[in-house]
């Protein structure tokens, strides 16, 4: 049985078929969750932002003209929703009773090859924490660019479309982000020794 393309599913949703949106949700929920998880620390907050992102996409889908790929458009909505969530959270008083789960995996960024040696596992976990903290400290534009590239695996062109800027700006932001992360890794790595 042939699988409907995103464009076909979008047309079906625009024609009133809500089941078609369920198919789009199933197709992209893990990728969007992974993306939002790079911005938002707690699992509960991540779930909330993912749901809000899909709700916004569903409401905006009648205006989607297909000038970009559906998932690029959806990623843009999710990234903006996550940024808005973080901005709103920074204006709220912090809650001290929240358990923050660290579920970010940085294997794609660090290309680490772990073994079952407990010392290597500990070093890898420490390195993951250093990288996560370095990414969290980046300026929002740098954080978004490197997250979309390294974790979401998007092309420079797709990131440029999502961030609404030229490809050269995306390349520059990713370069600056990688430099900042490497610098943090070097300085924090020295602290661990």
Protein backbone atom coordinates (compact mmCIF):
# COMPACT_ATOMS: atom_id res chain seq x y z
CA UNK A 1 0.00 0.00 0.00
CA UNK A 2 1.60 3.29 -1.06
CA UNK A 3 2.30 5.85 1.65
CA UNK A 4 0.81 9.30 1.17
CA UNK A 5 3.30 12.11 0.74
CA UNK A 6 3.26 15.07 3.10
CA UNK A 7 1.78 17.22 0.34
CA UNK A 8 -1.07 14.74 -0.19
CA UNK A 9 -1.80 14.57 3.51
CA UNK A 10 -1.76 18.37 3.81
CA UNK A 11 -4.27 18.64 0.95
CA UNK A 12 -6.48 16.09 2.67
CA UNK A 13 -6.34 18.04 5.95
CA UNK A 14 -7.13 21.24 4.10
CA UNK A 15 -10.10 19.40 2.59
CA UNK A 16 -11.45 18.54 6.05
CA UNK A 17 -9.89 15.11 6.66
CA UNK A 18 -8.66 15.29 10.28
CA UNK A 19 -7.41 11.68 10.10
CA UNK A 20 -4.77 12.88 7.62
CA UNK A 21 -3.38 15.20 10.31
CA UNK A 22 -3.17 12.23 12.67
CA UNK A 23 -0.94 10.57 10.08
CA UNK A 24 1.27 13.68 9.88
CA UNK A 25 1.43 13.76 13.68
CA UNK A 26 2.51 10.11 13.83
CA UNK A 27 5.09 10.71 11.10
CA UNK A 28 6.75 13.67 12.83
CA UNK A 29 6.00 13.46 16.56
CA UNK A 30 9.34 11.86 17.44
CA UNK A 31 11.38 14.28 15.35
CA UNK A 32 9.54 17.27 16.82
CA UNK A 33 9.90 15.87 20.33
CA UNK A 34 13.63 15.45 19.74
CA UNK A 35 13.92 19.01 18.46
CA UNK A 36 11.94 20.56 21.32
CA UNK A 37 13.90 18.45 23.81
CA UNK A 38 17.04 20.30 22.76
CA UNK A 39 15.48 23.55 23.92
CA UNK A 40 13.38 22.49 26.91
CA UNK A 41 14.88 20.53 29.80
CA UNK A 42 11.99 18.82 31.55
CA UNK A 43 10.05 16.01 29.92
CA UNK A 44 6.69 17.45 30.97
CA UNK A 45 7.49 20.88 29.53
CA UNK A 46 8.76 19.24 26.35
CA UNK A 47 5.51 17.32 25.98
CA UNK A 48 3.54 20.53 26.49
CA UNK A 49 5.55 22.41 23.86
CA UNK A 50 5.25 19.53 21.36
CA UNK A 51 1.48 19.41 21.81
CA UNK A 52 1.23 23.19 21.47
CA UNK A 53 3.38 23.06 18.33
CA UNK A 54 1.13 20.51 16.65
CA UNK A 55 -1.97 22.41 17.71
CA UNK A 56 -0.57 25.60 16.17
CA UNK A 57 0.32 23.69 13.01
CA UNK A 58 -3.17 22.21 12.77
CA UNK A 59 -4.78 25.62 13.16
CA UNK A 60 -2.42 27.21 10.61
CA UNK A 61 -2.57 24.38 8.08
CA UNK A 62 -5.44 25.91 6.07
CA UNK A 63 -3.05 28.80 5.30
CA UNK A 64 -0.11 26.53 4.42
CA UNK A 65 0.66 27.20 0.74
CA UNK A 66 3.29 24.53 0.20
CA UNK A 67 6.07 27.00 -0.61
CA UNK A 68 8.30 24.98 1.69
CA UNK A 69 8.33 21.35 2.71
CA UNK A 70 5.77 20.51 5.39
CA UNK A 71 8.33 19.29 7.93
CA UNK A 72 10.45 22.43 7.50
CA UNK A 73 7.35 24.51 8.18
CA UNK A 74 6.48 22.32 11.17
CA UNK A 75 10.05 22.57 12.54
CA UNK A 76 9.84 26.34 12.32
CA UNK A 77 6.61 26.32 14.32
CA UNK A 78 8.09 23.96 16.93
CA UNK A 79 11.35 25.93 17.27
CA UNK A 80 9.45 29.20 17.68
CA UNK A 81 7.04 27.63 20.17
CA UNK A 82 9.97 26.33 22.22
CA UNK A 83 11.67 29.75 22.16
CA UNK A 84 8.43 31.44 23.21
CA UNK A 85 8.00 28.93 26.02
CA UNK A 86 11.52 29.61 27.29
CA UNK A 87 10.99 33.37 27.09
CA UNK A 88 7.74 33.10 29.04
CA UNK A 89 9.36 30.79 31.58
CA UNK A 90 12.20 33.25 32.16
CA UNK A 91 9.59 35.87 33.11
CA UNK A 92 7.96 33.49 35.62
CA UNK A 93 9.41 32.75 39.05
CA UNK A 94 11.28 29.46 39.03
CA UNK A 95 9.71 26.45 40.70
CA UNK A 96 12.02 24.68 43.09
CA UNK A 97 10.01 21.45 43.21
CA UNK A 98 10.54 20.53 39.57
CA UNK A 99 12.68 17.51 38.71
CA UNK A 100 14.69 18.24 35.61
CA UNK A 101 15.46 15.14 33.57
CA UNK A 102 18.53 15.25 31.43
CA UNK A 103 17.62 13.24 28.36
CA UNK A 104 19.80 14.96 25.79
CA UNK A 105 22.09 12.64 23.94
CA UNK A 106 25.06 14.22 22.25
CA UNK A 107 26.49 11.28 20.35
CA UNK A 108 25.85 13.02 17.03
CA UNK A 109 27.78 16.09 18.16
CA UNK A 110 30.67 14.42 19.94
CA UNK A 111 31.01 11.20 17.92
CA UNK A 112 31.96 9.38 21.10
CA UNK A 113 32.40 5.65 21.00
CA UNK A 114 31.56 4.37 24.45
CA UNK A 115 32.66 1.05 25.85
CA UNK A 116 31.28 -0.76 28.86
CA UNK A 117 34.21 0.46 30.95
CA UNK A 118 32.71 2.35 33.93
CA UNK A 119 35.41 5.03 33.72
CA UNK A 120 34.61 5.71 30.05
CA UNK A 121 30.90 5.82 30.81
CA UNK A 122 31.50 8.34 33.61
CA UNK A 123 33.73 10.49 31.39
CA UNK A 124 31.15 10.35 28.61
CA UNK A 125 28.36 11.42 30.98
CA UNK A 126 30.49 14.31 32.23
CA UNK A 127 31.24 15.35 28.66
CA UNK A 128 27.54 15.22 27.79
CA UNK A 129 26.82 17.53 30.72
CA UNK A 130 29.53 19.96 29.58
CA UNK A 131 28.16 20.03 26.03
CA UNK A 132 24.57 20.41 27.20
CA UNK A 133 25.52 23.30 29.48
CA UNK A 134 27.56 24.93 26.70
CA UNK A 135 24.61 24.71 24.30
CA UNK A 136 22.21 26.09 26.91
CA UNK A 137 24.51 29.12 27.40
CA UNK A 138 24.59 30.03 23.70
CA UNK A 139 22.77 33.06 22.35
CA UNK A 140 19.30 32.01 21.11
CA UNK A 141 20.18 32.33 17.40
CA UNK A 142 23.33 30.23 17.79
CA UNK A 143 21.54 27.65 19.93
CA UNK A 144 18.72 27.30 17.39
CA UNK A 145 21.06 26.99 14.42
CA UNK A 146 23.35 24.37 15.95
CA UNK A 147 20.42 22.42 17.40
CA UNK A 148 18.63 22.27 14.06
CA UNK A 149 21.84 21.19 12.32
CA UNK A 150 23.35 18.75 14.81
CA UNK A 151 20.28 17.23 16.42
CA UNK A 152 17.54 17.61 13.82
CA UNK A 153 19.93 16.93 10.93
CA UNK A 154 18.53 19.68 8.75
CA UNK A 155 20.42 21.18 5.82
CA UNK A 156 21.70 24.74 5.88
CA UNK A 157 18.98 25.69 3.40
CA UNK A 158 16.24 24.22 5.58
CA UNK A 159 17.61 25.97 8.65
CA UNK A 160 17.76 29.25 6.73
CA UNK A 161 14.11 28.83 5.84
CA UNK A 162 13.14 28.01 9.41
CA UNK A 163 15.17 30.87 10.90
CA UNK A 164 14.18 33.26 8.12
CA UNK A 165 17.73 34.33 7.29
CA UNK A 166 20.31 33.79 4.52
CA UNK A 167 22.24 30.51 4.30
CA UNK A 168 25.49 32.40 4.93
CA UNK A 169 24.11 33.64 8.23
CA UNK A 170 23.19 30.08 9.19
CA UNK A 171 26.71 28.88 8.38
CA UNK A 172 28.19 31.70 10.45
CA UNK A 173 25.91 30.98 13.41
CA UNK A 174 26.70 27.28 13.35
CA UNK A 175 30.42 28.00 13.13
CA UNK A 176 30.24 30.45 16.05
CA UNK A 177 28.15 27.98 18.08
CA UNK A 178 30.61 25.15 17.48
CA UNK A 179 33.51 27.40 18.44
CA UNK A 180 31.76 28.43 21.67
CA UNK A 181 30.93 24.81 22.51
CA UNK A 182 34.52 23.71 21.83
CA UNK A 183 35.84 26.52 24.01
CA UNK A 184 33.51 25.53 26.86
CA UNK A 185 34.53 21.89 26.45
CA UNK A 186 38.20 22.81 26.68
CA UNK A 187 37.81 25.02 29.74
CA UNK A 188 35.41 22.70 31.58
CA UNK A 189 37.42 19.66 30.57
CA UNK A 190 40.45 21.21 32.25
CA UNK A 191 38.37 21.71 35.41
CA UNK A 192 37.52 18.00 35.51
CA UNK A 193 41.17 16.95 35.49
